[in-house]
Amino acid sequence: LLEAGVTPDFVVGSSVGALNAGFFAGDPTAGGVTNL
């Protein structure tokens, strides 16, 4: 999604999705996804 230039204004997550949303929200960049 980030490669395609698609980015969010905010994120919502539940269960393991909350973990992924939380980490991504801390660094919502390609570098942040690499760290995740």
ModelCIF file with pLDDT and N, C-alpha, C, O atoms, coordinates in Angstrom:
data_MODEL
#
_entry.id   MODEL 
#
_entity.id                         1 
_entity.type                       polymer 
_entity.pdbx_number_of_molecules   1 
#
_entity_poly.entity_id                      1 
_entity_poly.type                           'polypeptide(L)' 
_entity_poly.nstd_linkage                   no 
_entity_poly.nstd_monomer                   no 
_entity_poly.pdbx_seq_one_letter_code       LLEAGVTPDFVVGSSVGALNAGFFAGDPTAGGVTNL 
_entity_poly.pdbx_seq_one_letter_code_can   LLEAGVTPDFVVGSSVGALNAGFFAGDPTAGGVTNL 
_entity_poly.pdbx_strand_id                 A 
#
loop_
_entity_poly_seq.entity_id 
_entity_poly_seq.num 
_entity_poly_seq.mon_id 
_entity_poly_seq.hetero 
1 1  LEU n 
1 2  LEU n 
1 3  GLU n 
1 4  ALA n 
1 5  GLY n 
1 6  VAL n 
1 7  THR n 
1 8  PRO n 
1 9  ASP n 
1 10 PHE n 
1 11 VAL n 
1 12 VAL n 
1 13 GLY n 
1 14 SER n 
1 15 SER n 
1 16 VAL n 
1 17 GLY n 
1 18 ALA n 
1 19 LEU n 
1 20 ASN n 
1 21 ALA n 
1 22 GLY n 
1 23 PHE n 
1 24 PHE n 
1 25 ALA n 
1 26 GLY n 
1 27 ASP n 
1 28 PRO n 
1 29 THR n 
1 30 ALA n 
1 31 GLY n 
1 32 GLY n 
1 33 VAL n 
1 34 THR n 
1 35 ASN n 
1 36 LEU n 
#
_struct_asym.id          A 
_struct_asym.entity_id   1 
#
loop_
_ma_qa_metric.id 
_ma_qa_metric.mode 
_ma_qa_metric.name 
_ma_qa_metric.software_group_id 
_ma_qa_metric.type 
1 global pLDDT . pLDDT 
2 local  pLDDT . pLDDT 
#
_ma_qa_metric_global.metric_id      1 
_ma_qa_metric_global.metric_value   97.06 
_ma_qa_metric_global.model_id       1 
_ma_qa_metric_global.ordinal_id     1 
#
loop_
_ma_qa_metric_local.label_asym_id 
_ma_qa_metric_local.label_comp_id 
_ma_qa_metric_local.label_seq_id 
_ma_qa_metric_local.metric_id 
_ma_qa_metric_local.metric_value 
_ma_qa_metric_local.model_id 
_ma_qa_metric_local.ordinal_id 
A LEU 1  2 98.00 1 1  
A LEU 2  2 98.00 1 2  
A GLU 3  2 98.00 1 3  
A ALA 4  2 98.00 1 4  
A GLY 5  2 97.00 1 5  
A VAL 6  2 97.00 1 6  
A THR 7  2 97.00 1 7  
A PRO 8  2 98.00 1 8  
A ASP 9  2 97.00 1 9  
A PHE 10 2 97.00 1 10 
A VAL 11 2 98.00 1 11 
A VAL 12 2 97.00 1 12 
A GLY 13 2 96.00 1 13 
A SER 14 2 95.00 1 14 
A SER 15 2 92.00 1 15 
A VAL 16 2 93.00 1 16 
A GLY 17 2 95.00 1 17 
A ALA 18 2 96.00 1 18 
A LEU 19 2 96.00 1 19 
A ASN 20 2 97.00 1 20 
A ALA 21 2 98.00 1 21 
A GLY 22 2 98.00 1 22 
A PHE 23 2 98.00 1 23 
A PHE 24 2 98.00 1 24 
A ALA 25 2 98.00 1 25 
A GLY 26 2 98.00 1 26 
A ASP 27 2 98.00 1 27 
A PRO 28 2 98.00 1 28 
A THR 29 2 98.00 1 29 
A ALA 30 2 98.00 1 30 
A GLY 31 2 97.00 1 31 
A GLY 32 2 97.00 1 32 
A VAL 33 2 98.00 1 33 
A THR 34 2 98.00 1 34 
A ASN 35 2 97.00 1 35 
A LEU 36 2 97.00 1 36 
#
loop_
_atom_site.group_PDB 
_atom_site.id 
_atom_site.type_symbol 
_atom_site.label_atom_id 
_atom_site.label_alt_id 
_atom_site.label_comp_id 
_atom_site.label_asym_id 
_atom_site.label_entity_id 
_atom_site.label_seq_id 
_atom_site.pdbx_PDB_ins_code 
_atom_site.Cartn_x 
_atom_site.Cartn_y 
_atom_site.Cartn_z 
_atom_site.occupancy 
_atom_site.B_iso_or_equiv 
_atom_site.pdbx_formal_charge 
_atom_site.auth_seq_id 
_atom_site.auth_comp_id 
_atom_site.auth_asym_id 
_atom_site.auth_atom_id 
_atom_site.pdbx_PDB_model_num 
ATOM 1   N N  . LEU A 1 1  ? 0.831  -1.206 0.000  1.00 98.00 ? 1  LEU A N  1 
ATOM 2   C CA . LEU A 1 1  ? 0.000  0.000  0.000  1.00 98.00 ? 1  LEU A CA 1 
ATOM 3   C C  . LEU A 1 1  ? 0.864  1.254  0.000  1.00 98.00 ? 1  LEU A C  1 
ATOM 4   O O  . LEU A 1 1  ? 0.601  2.192  -0.753 1.00 98.00 ? 1  LEU A O  1 
ATOM 5   N N  . LEU A 1 2  ? 1.894  1.274  0.842  1.00 98.00 ? 2  LEU A N  1 
ATOM 6   C CA . LEU A 1 2  ? 2.759  2.455  0.900  1.00 98.00 ? 2  LEU A CA 1 
ATOM 7   C C  . LEU A 1 2  ? 3.542  2.619  -0.395 1.00 98.00 ? 2  LEU A C  1 
ATOM 8   O O  . LEU A 1 2  ? 3.762  3.743  -0.847 1.00 98.00 ? 2  LEU A O  1 
ATOM 9   N N  . GLU A 1 3  ? 3.964  1.519  -0.991 1.00 98.00 ? 3  GLU A N  1 
ATOM 10  C CA . GLU A 1 3  ? 4.646  1.596  -2.288 1.00 98.00 ? 3  GLU A CA 1 
ATOM 11  C C  . GLU A 1 3  ? 3.762  2.272  -3.329 1.00 98.00 ? 3  GLU A C  1 
ATOM 12  O O  . GLU A 1 3  ? 4.255  2.984  -4.204 1.00 98.00 ? 3  GLU A O  1 
ATOM 13  N N  . ALA A 1 4  ? 2.443  2.045  -3.230 1.00 98.00 ? 4  ALA A N  1 
ATOM 14  C CA . ALA A 1 4  ? 1.487  2.613  -4.180 1.00 98.00 ? 4  ALA A CA 1 
ATOM 15  C C  . ALA A 1 4  ? 1.074  4.031  -3.807 1.00 98.00 ? 4  ALA A C  1 
ATOM 16  O O  . ALA A 1 4  ? 0.236  4.633  -4.479 1.00 98.00 ? 4  ALA A O  1 
ATOM 17  N N  . GLY A 1 5  ? 1.658  4.566  -2.740 1.00 97.00 ? 5  GLY A N  1 
ATOM 18  C CA . GLY A 1 5  ? 1.345  5.926  -2.323 1.00 97.00 ? 5  GLY A CA 1 
ATOM 19  C C  . GLY A 1 5  ? 0.073  6.061  -1.522 1.00 97.00 ? 5  GLY A C  1 
ATOM 20  O O  . GLY A 1 5  ? -0.453 7.164  -1.376 1.00 97.00 ? 5  GLY A O  1 
ATOM 21  N N  . VAL A 1 6  ? -0.439 4.938  -0.992 1.00 97.00 ? 6  VAL A N  1 
ATOM 22  C CA . VAL A 1 6  ? -1.676 4.958  -0.204 1.00 97.00 ? 6  VAL A CA 1 
ATOM 23  C C  . VAL A 1 6  ? -1.310 5.070  1.272  1.00 97.00 ? 6  VAL A C  1 
ATOM 24  O O  . VAL A 1 6  ? -0.626 4.200  1.812  1.00 97.00 ? 6  VAL A O  1 
ATOM 25  N N  . THR A 1 7  ? -1.759 6.123  1.917  1.00 97.00 ? 7  THR A N  1 
ATOM 26  C CA . THR A 1 7  ? -1.468 6.354  3.330  1.00 97.00 ? 7  THR A CA 1 
ATOM 27  C C  . THR A 1 7  ? -2.751 6.727  4.070  1.00 97.00 ? 7  THR A C  1 
ATOM 28  O O  . THR A 1 7  ? -3.678 7.269  3.469  1.00 97.00 ? 7  THR A O  1 
ATOM 29  N N  . PRO A 1 8  ? -2.808 6.443  5.358  1.00 98.00 ? 8  PRO A N  1 
ATOM 30  C CA . PRO A 1 8  ? -4.011 6.756  6.128  1.00 98.00 ? 8  PRO A CA 1 
ATOM 31  C C  . PRO A 1 8  ? -3.878 8.066  6.902  1.00 98.00 ? 8  PRO A C  1 
ATOM 32  O O  . PRO A 1 8  ? -2.778 8.552  7.167  1.00 98.00 ? 8  PRO A O  1 
ATOM 33  N N  . ASP A 1 9  ? -5.028 8.612  7.249  1.00 97.00 ? 9  ASP A N  1 
ATOM 34  C CA . ASP A 1 9  ? -5.058 9.744  8.170  1.00 97.00 ? 9  ASP A CA 1 
ATOM 35  C C  . ASP A 1 9  ? -5.114 9.267  9.617  1.00 97.00 ? 9  ASP A C  1 
ATOM 36  O O  . ASP A 1 9  ? -4.659 9.962  10.525 1.00 97.00 ? 9  ASP A O  1 
ATOM 37  N N  . PHE A 1 10 ? -5.670 8.087  9.823  1.00 97.00 ? 10 PHE A N  1 
ATOM 38  C CA . PHE A 1 10 ? -5.654 7.464  11.154 1.00 97.00 ? 10 PHE A CA 1 
ATOM 39  C C  . PHE A 1 10 ? -5.827 5.970  10.986 1.00 97.00 ? 10 PHE A C  1 
ATOM 40  O O  . PHE A 1 10 ? -6.205 5.495  9.916  1.00 97.00 ? 10 PHE A O  1 
ATOM 41  N N  . VAL A 1 11 ? -5.546 5.222  12.060 1.00 98.00 ? 11 VAL A N  1 
ATOM 42  C CA . VAL A 1 11 ? -5.633 3.768  12.024 1.00 98.00 ? 11 VAL A CA 1 
ATOM 43  C C  . VAL A 1 11 ? -6.471 3.264  13.185 1.00 98.00 ? 11 VAL A C  1 
ATOM 44  O O  . VAL A 1 11 ? -6.536 3.879  14.249 1.00 98.00 ? 11 VAL A O  1 
ATOM 45  N N  . VAL A 1 12 ? -7.109 2.128  12.949 1.00 97.00 ? 12 VAL A N  1 
ATOM 46  C CA . VAL A 1 12 ? -7.936 1.478  13.967 1.00 97.00 ? 12 VAL A CA 1 
ATOM 47  C C  . VAL A 1 12 ? -7.571 0.000  13.971 1.00 97.00 ? 12 VAL A C  1 
ATOM 48  O O  . VAL A 1 12 ? -7.463 -0.612 12.909 1.00 97.00 ? 12 VAL A O  1 
ATOM 49  N N  . GLY A 1 13 ? -7.379 -0.583 15.153 1.00 96.00 ? 13 GLY A N  1 
ATOM 50  C CA . GLY A 1 13 ? -6.987 -1.985 15.214 1.00 96.00 ? 13 GLY A CA 1 
ATOM 51  C C  . GLY A 1 13 ? -7.616 -2.732 16.362 1.00 96.00 ? 13 GLY A C  1 
ATOM 52  O O  . GLY A 1 13 ? -7.989 -2.152 17.382 1.00 96.00 ? 13 GLY A O  1 
ATOM 53  N N  . SER A 1 14 ? -7.727 -4.036 16.173 1.00 95.00 ? 14 SER A N  1 
ATOM 54  C CA . SER A 1 14 ? -8.284 -4.906 17.204 1.00 95.00 ? 14 SER A CA 1 
ATOM 55  C C  . SER A 1 14 ? -7.445 -6.159 17.323 1.00 95.00 ? 14 SER A C  1 
ATOM 56  O O  . SER A 1 14 ? -6.992 -6.697 16.312 1.00 95.00 ? 14 SER A O  1 
ATOM 57  N N  . SER A 1 15 ? -7.226 -6.639 18.548 1.00 92.00 ? 15 SER A N  1 
ATOM 58  C CA . SER A 1 15 ? -6.470 -7.853 18.822 1.00 92.00 ? 15 SER A CA 1 
ATOM 59  C C  . SER A 1 15 ? -5.052 -7.718 18.252 1.00 92.00 ? 15 SER A C  1 
ATOM 60  O O  . SER A 1 15 ? -4.395 -6.713 18.524 1.00 92.00 ? 15 SER A O  1 
ATOM 61  N N  . VAL A 1 16 ? -4.554 -8.689 17.472 1.00 93.00 ? 16 VAL A N  1 
ATOM 62  C CA . VAL A 1 16 ? -3.211 -8.530 16.915 1.00 93.00 ? 16 VAL A CA 1 
ATOM 63  C C  . VAL A 1 16 ? -3.177 -7.341 15.956 1.00 93.00 ? 16 VAL A C  1 
ATOM 64  O O  . VAL A 1 16 ? -2.119 -6.754 15.729 1.00 93.00 ? 16 VAL A O  1 
ATOM 65  N N  . GLY A 1 17 ? -4.334 -6.988 15.394 1.00 95.00 ? 17 GLY A N  1 
ATOM 66  C CA . GLY A 1 17 ? -4.410 -5.802 14.554 1.00 95.00 ? 17 GLY A CA 1 
ATOM 67  C C  . GLY A 1 17 ? -4.149 -4.534 15.332 1.00 95.00 ? 17 GLY A C  1 
ATOM 68  O O  . GLY A 1 17 ? -3.680 -3.546 14.766 1.00 95.00 ? 17 GLY A O  1 
ATOM 69  N N  . ALA A 1 18 ? -4.443 -4.541 16.626 1.00 96.00 ? 18 ALA A N  1 
ATOM 70  C CA . ALA A 1 18 ? -4.137 -3.386 17.469 1.00 96.00 ? 18 ALA A CA 1 
ATOM 71  C C  . ALA A 1 18 ? -2.632 -3.239 17.635 1.00 96.00 ? 18 ALA A C  1 
ATOM 72  O O  . ALA A 1 18 ? -2.106 -2.127 17.671 1.00 96.00 ? 18 ALA A O  1 
ATOM 73  N N  . LEU A 1 19 ? -1.948 -4.364 17.737 1.00 96.00 ? 19 LEU A N  1 
ATOM 74  C CA . LEU A 1 19 ? -0.482 -4.323 17.838 1.00 96.00 ? 19 LEU A CA 1 
ATOM 75  C C  . LEU A 1 19 ? 0.114  -3.746 16.551 1.00 96.00 ? 19 LEU A C  1 
ATOM 76  O O  . LEU A 1 19 ? 0.965  -2.858 16.602 1.00 96.00 ? 19 LEU A O  1 
ATOM 77  N N  . ASN A 1 20 ? -0.334 -4.249 15.402 1.00 97.00 ? 20 ASN A N  1 
ATOM 78  C CA . ASN A 1 20 ? 0.190  -3.745 14.135 1.00 97.00 ? 20 ASN A CA 1 
ATOM 79  C C  . ASN A 1 20 ? -0.173 -2.282 13.921 1.00 97.00 ? 20 ASN A C  1 
ATOM 80  O O  . ASN A 1 20 ? 0.654  -1.494 13.462 1.00 97.00 ? 20 ASN A O  1 
ATOM 81  N N  . ALA A 1 21 ? -1.402 -1.921 14.250 1.00 98.00 ? 21 ALA A N  1 
ATOM 82  C CA . ALA A 1 21 ? -1.826 -0.523 14.098 1.00 98.00 ? 21 ALA A CA 1 
ATOM 83  C C  . ALA A 1 21 ? -1.015 0.381  15.009 1.00 98.00 ? 21 ALA A C  1 
ATOM 84  O O  . ALA A 1 21 ? -0.623 1.479  14.613 1.00 98.00 ? 21 ALA A O  1 
ATOM 85  N N  . GLY A 1 22 ? -0.761 -0.081 16.235 1.00 98.00 ? 22 GLY A N  1 
ATOM 86  C CA . GLY A 1 22 ? -0.009 0.720  17.188 1.00 98.00 ? 22 GLY A CA 1 
ATOM 87  C C  . GLY A 1 22 ? 1.415  0.973  16.738 1.00 98.00 ? 22 GLY A C  1 
ATOM 88  O O  . GLY A 1 22 ? 1.905  2.099  16.824 1.00 98.00 ? 22 GLY A O  1 
ATOM 89  N N  . PHE A 1 23 ? 2.086  -0.068 16.258 1.00 98.00 ? 23 PHE A N  1 
ATOM 90  C CA . PHE A 1 23 ? 3.460  0.103  15.779 1.00 98.00 ? 23 PHE A CA 1 
ATOM 91  C C  . PHE A 1 23 ? 3.501  0.961  14.524 1.00 98.00 ? 23 PHE A C  1 
ATOM 92  O O  . PHE A 1 23 ? 4.367  1.825  14.390 1.00 98.00 ? 23 PHE A O  1 
ATOM 93  N N  . PHE A 1 24 ? 2.569  0.729  13.601 1.00 98.00 ? 24 PHE A N  1 
ATOM 94  C CA . PHE A 1 24 ? 2.553  1.499  12.364 1.00 98.00 ? 24 PHE A CA 1 
ATOM 95  C C  . PHE A 1 24 ? 2.276  2.967  12.639 1.00 98.00 ? 24 PHE A C  1 
ATOM 96  O O  . PHE A 1 24 ? 2.864  3.831  11.989 1.00 98.00 ? 24 PHE A O  1 
ATOM 97  N N  . ALA A 1 25 ? 1.394  3.272  13.586 1.00 98.00 ? 25 ALA A N  1 
ATOM 98  C CA . ALA A 1 25 ? 1.064  4.659  13.914 1.00 98.00 ? 25 ALA A CA 1 
ATOM 99  C C  . ALA A 1 25 ? 2.265  5.402  14.470 1.00 98.00 ? 25 ALA A C  1 
ATOM 100 O O  . ALA A 1 25 ? 2.349  6.624  14.348 1.00 98.00 ? 25 ALA A O  1 
ATOM 101 N N  . GLY A 1 26 ? 3.196  4.680  15.081 1.00 98.00 ? 26 GLY A N  1 
ATOM 102 C CA . GLY A 1 26 ? 4.396  5.310  15.619 1.00 98.00 ? 26 GLY A CA 1 
ATOM 103 C C  . GLY A 1 26 ? 5.354  5.768  14.533 1.00 98.00 ? 26 GLY A C  1 
ATOM 104 O O  . GLY A 1 26 ? 6.107  6.723  14.727 1.00 98.00 ? 26 GLY A O  1 
ATOM 105 N N  . ASP A 1 27 ? 5.329  5.092  13.392 1.00 98.00 ? 27 ASP A N  1 
ATOM 106 C CA . ASP A 1 27 ? 6.195  5.456  12.266 1.00 98.00 ? 27 ASP A CA 1 
ATOM 107 C C  . ASP A 1 27 ? 5.511  4.998  10.978 1.00 98.00 ? 27 ASP A C  1 
ATOM 108 O O  . ASP A 1 27 ? 5.857  3.944  10.444 1.00 98.00 ? 27 ASP A O  1 
ATOM 109 N N  . PRO A 1 28 ? 4.546  5.772  10.470 1.00 98.00 ? 28 PRO A N  1 
ATOM 110 C CA . PRO A 1 28 ? 3.746  5.346  9.317  1.00 98.00 ? 28 PRO A CA 1 
ATOM 111 C C  . PRO A 1 28 ? 4.452  5.569  7.983  1.00 98.00 ? 28 PRO A C  1 
ATOM 112 O O  . PRO A 1 28 ? 3.911  6.202  7.076  1.00 98.00 ? 28 PRO A O  1 
ATOM 113 N N  . THR A 1 29 ? 5.661  5.039  7.882  1.00 98.00 ? 29 THR A N  1 
ATOM 114 C CA . THR A 1 29 ? 6.478  5.181  6.681  1.00 98.00 ? 29 THR A CA 1 
ATOM 115 C C  . THR A 1 29 ? 6.969  3.802  6.244  1.00 98.00 ? 29 THR A C  1 
ATOM 116 O O  . THR A 1 29 ? 6.778  2.808  6.945  1.00 98.00 ? 29 THR A O  1 
ATOM 117 N N  . ALA A 1 30 ? 7.604  3.762  5.073  1.00 98.00 ? 30 ALA A N  1 
ATOM 118 C CA . ALA A 1 30 ? 8.183  2.507  4.608  1.00 98.00 ? 30 ALA A CA 1 
ATOM 119 C C  . ALA A 1 30 ? 9.218  1.993  5.603  1.00 98.00 ? 30 ALA A C  1 
ATOM 120 O O  . ALA A 1 30 ? 9.322  0.788  5.830  1.00 98.00 ? 30 ALA A O  1 
ATOM 121 N N  . GLY A 1 31 ? 9.983  2.908  6.194  1.00 97.00 ? 31 GLY A N  1 
ATOM 122 C CA . GLY A 1 31 ? 10.954 2.513  7.206  1.00 97.00 ? 31 GLY A CA 1 
ATOM 123 C C  . GLY A 1 31 ? 10.290 1.907  8.421  1.00 97.00 ? 31 GLY A C  1 
ATOM 124 O O  . GLY A 1 31 ? 10.794 0.945  9.000  1.00 97.00 ? 31 GLY A O  1 
ATOM 125 N N  . GLY A 1 32 ? 9.153  2.472  8.808  1.00 97.00 ? 32 GLY A N  1 
ATOM 126 C CA . GLY A 1 32 ? 8.412  1.930  9.936  1.00 97.00 ? 32 GLY A CA 1 
ATOM 127 C C  . GLY A 1 32 ? 7.896  0.533  9.657  1.00 97.00 ? 32 GLY A C  1 
ATOM 128 O O  . GLY A 1 32 ? 7.903  -0.320 10.545 1.00 97.00 ? 32 GLY A O  1 
ATOM 129 N N  . VAL A 1 33 ? 7.446  0.286  8.428  1.00 98.00 ? 33 VAL A N  1 
ATOM 130 C CA . VAL A 1 33 ? 6.978  -1.044 8.052  1.00 98.00 ? 33 VAL A CA 1 
ATOM 131 C C  . VAL A 1 33 ? 8.136  -2.031 8.055  1.00 98.00 ? 33 VAL A C  1 
ATOM 132 O O  . VAL A 1 33 ? 7.966  -3.184 8.452  1.00 98.00 ? 33 VAL A O  1 
ATOM 133 N N  . THR A 1 34 ? 9.314  -1.590 7.616  1.00 98.00 ? 34 THR A N  1 
ATOM 134 C CA . THR A 1 34 ? 10.509 -2.443 7.667  1.00 98.00 ? 34 THR A CA 1 
ATOM 135 C C  . THR A 1 34 ? 10.826 -2.839 9.105  1.00 98.00 ? 34 THR A C  1 
ATOM 136 O O  . THR A 1 34 ? 11.175 -3.988 9.376  1.00 98.00 ? 34 THR A O  1 
ATOM 137 N N  . ASN A 1 35 ? 10.705 -1.891 10.019 1.00 97.00 ? 35 ASN A N  1 
ATOM 138 C CA . ASN A 1 35 ? 10.949 -2.187 11.436 1.00 97.00 ? 35 ASN A CA 1 
ATOM 139 C C  . ASN A 1 35 ? 9.900  -3.145 11.988 1.00 97.00 ? 35 ASN A C  1 
ATOM 140 O O  . ASN A 1 35 ? 10.219 -4.037 12.774 1.00 97.00 ? 35 ASN A O  1 
ATOM 141 N N  . LEU A 1 36 ? 8.642  -2.958 11.573 1.00 97.00 ? 36 LEU A N  1 
ATOM 142 C CA . LEU A 1 36 ? 7.573  -3.855 12.017 1.00 97.00 ? 36 LEU A CA 1 
ATOM 143 C C  . LEU A 1 36 ? 7.822  -5.265 11.492 1.00 97.00 ? 36 LEU A C  1 
ATOM 144 O O  . LEU A 1 36 ? 7.032  -6.171 11.757 1.00 97.00 ? 36 LEU A O  1 
#
